[in-house]
C-alpha cells in the first residue's frame, strides 16, 4: 500500500472550531531506520503496529502497512521502543473532500502543531484552510520517528 500525504505547520488555532473528532495518541518506534520505520501506537482503546518504507516523490509518498493489535500488546511493545514516546492530540478537520489531521504535540514536542492531508496522487489539488502554515513535506525533522529521536523542545534554532 502506498501512503501519499503532505504536511504543514499550523499558523492559527481556528481548526479546533472546525474539528469533527479529537483523540489522544501515544506512539513509539521499534525502528527509526528511514528504510523501515516500525511504529507502535495507542489510540483510545485500540493498538496499532505500522511499518513504513523510505519516502520518495519529494517526501510525499511511501509504502505503509498498518495492523490493529490488542491494546495490551501495544502497551507492552511501547516499553520496547527506542528513545522518547511521541504524545499528541489529533483533531480531524474536513476541508472540501479531504480530511486534515491536525496534531498538537505534547511532552517533549510541546508547542509543535502539524497538519497532514492524505491524497490519492502526489499532484492532487486540495483546499488549503486559512490556518494552514508553511509546507514541511519531506523535511525529516517533522517526521514523528525523528521527533522521537530529536524532540521539538530540544531544537536549537
Protein backbone atom coordinates (compact mmCIF):
# COMPACT_ATOMS: atom_id res chain seq x y z
CA UNK A 1 0.00 0.00 0.00
CA UNK A 2 1.24 3.49 -0.81
CA UNK A 3 0.61 6.43 1.51
CA UNK A 4 0.63 9.86 -0.16
CA UNK A 5 0.45 12.85 2.15
CA UNK A 6 1.55 16.45 2.53
CA UNK A 7 2.49 18.03 5.82
CA UNK A 8 2.24 21.64 7.03
CA UNK A 9 2.93 23.72 10.09
CA UNK A 10 -0.24 25.22 11.55
CA UNK A 11 -0.40 29.00 11.75
CA UNK A 12 -3.56 29.52 13.88
CA UNK A 13 -5.86 27.57 16.21
CA UNK A 14 -9.01 28.14 14.12
CA UNK A 15 -9.04 24.43 13.21
CA UNK A 16 -10.35 23.49 16.67
CA UNK A 17 -13.74 25.10 15.97
CA UNK A 18 -13.97 23.08 12.74
CA UNK A 19 -12.79 19.75 14.20
CA UNK A 20 -15.16 16.80 13.99
CA UNK A 21 -13.04 14.48 16.13
CA UNK A 22 -10.41 14.84 18.86
CA UNK A 23 -8.39 11.89 20.15
CA UNK A 24 -5.22 11.29 22.20
CA UNK A 25 -2.39 9.33 20.57
CA UNK A 26 0.66 7.81 22.24
CA UNK A 27 3.23 6.21 19.99
CA UNK A 28 6.76 4.86 19.97
CA UNK A 29 9.18 3.44 17.42
CA UNK A 30 10.70 -0.03 17.37
CA UNK A 31 12.80 1.13 14.41
CA UNK A 32 13.53 4.65 13.16
CA UNK A 33 15.60 3.44 10.20
CA UNK A 34 14.40 5.53 7.22
CA UNK A 35 14.22 2.37 5.09
CA UNK A 36 11.88 0.59 7.54
CA UNK A 37 10.20 2.60 10.25
CA UNK A 38 8.19 0.46 12.69
CA UNK A 39 5.69 2.31 14.86
CA UNK A 40 3.53 1.16 17.79
CA UNK A 41 0.52 3.34 18.53
CA UNK A 42 -2.20 3.50 21.17
CA UNK A 43 -5.33 5.40 20.15
CA UNK A 44 -8.11 5.27 22.71
CA UNK A 45 -8.81 1.58 23.37
CA UNK A 46 -7.05 0.39 20.19
CA UNK A 47 -3.48 -0.60 19.42
CA UNK A 48 -1.76 -0.48 16.03
CA UNK A 49 1.51 -1.68 14.52
CA UNK A 50 2.63 0.22 11.42
CA UNK A 51 5.53 -0.45 9.08
CA UNK A 52 6.61 2.28 6.65
CA UNK A 53 9.23 2.27 3.89
CA UNK A 54 11.52 5.06 2.72
CA UNK A 55 9.83 8.20 1.38
CA UNK A 56 10.05 9.27 -2.25
CA UNK A 57 8.40 11.87 -4.53
CA UNK A 58 9.99 14.71 -2.50
CA UNK A 59 8.72 13.19 0.74
CA UNK A 60 5.06 12.82 -0.24
CA UNK A 61 4.92 9.05 -0.78
CA UNK A 62 5.96 5.79 0.86
CA UNK A 63 4.85 2.24 1.39
CA UNK A 64 2.77 1.68 4.53
CA UNK A 65 1.18 -1.33 6.22
CA UNK A 66 -0.92 -0.91 9.36
CA UNK A 67 -2.39 -3.64 11.56
CA UNK A 68 -4.69 -3.39 14.54
CA UNK A 69 -3.32 -5.27 17.55
CA UNK A 70 -4.73 -5.73 21.06
CA UNK A 71 -4.22 -2.65 23.24
CA UNK A 72 -2.37 -4.60 25.95
CA UNK A 73 0.14 -5.82 23.34
CA UNK A 74 0.62 -2.28 22.02
CA UNK A 75 1.27 -1.04 25.57
CA UNK A 76 3.85 -3.80 26.11
CA UNK A 77 5.54 -3.03 22.78
CA UNK A 78 5.72 0.68 23.73
CA UNK A 79 8.05 -0.37 26.57
CA UNK A 80 10.48 -1.80 23.97
CA UNK A 81 10.53 1.32 21.82
CA UNK A 82 13.58 3.46 21.09
CA UNK A 83 14.07 6.92 22.52
CA UNK A 84 11.17 9.18 23.55
CA UNK A 85 7.47 8.42 23.09
CA UNK A 86 5.51 10.85 20.93
CA UNK A 87 2.33 12.16 22.55
CA UNK A 88 -0.27 14.22 20.72
CA UNK A 89 -3.88 15.27 20.47
CA UNK A 90 -5.26 14.75 16.99
CA UNK A 91 -8.09 16.79 15.50
CA UNK A 92 -9.78 15.79 12.25
CA UNK A 93 -10.93 18.71 10.13
CA UNK A 94 -12.89 18.43 6.88
CA UNK A 95 -11.80 20.77 4.05
CA UNK A 96 -13.77 20.07 0.92
CA UNK A 97 -13.44 16.37 0.06
CA UNK A 98 -10.27 15.99 2.17
CA UNK A 99 -9.73 15.46 5.89
CA UNK A 100 -6.80 17.18 7.58
CA UNK A 101 -5.34 15.52 10.65
CA UNK A 102 -4.05 18.28 12.93
CA UNK A 103 -1.66 17.09 15.64
CA UNK A 104 -0.96 19.18 18.74
CA UNK A 105 2.13 17.61 20.23
CA UNK A 106 2.65 17.19 23.99
CA UNK A 107 5.56 16.25 26.22
CA UNK A 108 8.99 16.80 24.70
CA UNK A 109 7.40 18.01 21.44
CA UNK A 110 5.11 20.52 23.17
CA UNK A 111 4.46 23.63 21.09
CA UNK A 112 4.60 21.89 17.72
CA UNK A 113 1.38 21.72 15.69
CA UNK A 114 1.35 19.91 12.34
CA UNK A 115 -1.40 19.20 9.80
CA UNK A 116 -1.34 16.35 7.30
CA UNK A 117 -3.62 15.61 4.38
CA UNK A 118 -3.72 12.25 2.60
CA UNK A 119 -4.04 12.35 -1.18
CA UNK A 120 -4.68 9.87 -3.96
CA UNK A 121 -1.82 11.25 -6.13
CA UNK A 122 1.24 13.36 -5.35
CA UNK A 123 -0.07 16.16 -7.58
CA UNK A 124 -3.69 16.17 -6.39
CA UNK A 125 -5.06 19.62 -5.58
CA UNK A 126 -6.84 20.35 -2.30
CA UNK A 127 -8.38 23.25 -0.40
CA UNK A 128 -5.87 24.94 1.90
CA UNK A 129 -7.63 26.14 5.07
CA UNK A 130 -6.72 29.62 6.37
CA UNK A 131 -4.97 28.15 9.43
CA UNK A 132 -2.50 26.16 7.32
CA UNK A 133 1.07 27.45 7.55
CA UNK A 134 4.22 26.65 5.59
CA UNK A 135 4.65 23.24 3.99
CA UNK A 136 7.20 20.91 5.60
CA UNK A 137 6.58 17.81 3.47
CA UNK A 138 9.87 15.99 3.07
CA UNK A 139 11.58 17.83 5.95
CA UNK A 140 12.66 14.85 8.05
CA UNK A 141 12.78 16.92 11.26
CA UNK A 142 8.97 16.80 11.26
CA UNK A 143 8.64 13.02 10.82
CA UNK A 144 7.22 11.52 14.01
CA UNK A 145 10.06 8.99 14.07
CA UNK A 146 12.56 11.86 14.09
CA UNK A 147 10.59 13.74 16.75
CA UNK A 148 11.11 10.68 18.98
CA UNK A 149 14.88 10.97 18.40
CA UNK A 150 15.21 14.76 18.43
CA UNK A 151 12.18 16.30 20.21
CA UNK A 152 10.96 19.75 19.18
CA UNK A 153 11.63 21.34 22.59
CA UNK A 154 15.34 20.45 22.22
CA UNK A 155 15.79 22.07 18.81
CA UNK A 156 18.33 24.89 18.75
CA UNK A 157 17.45 27.40 16.04
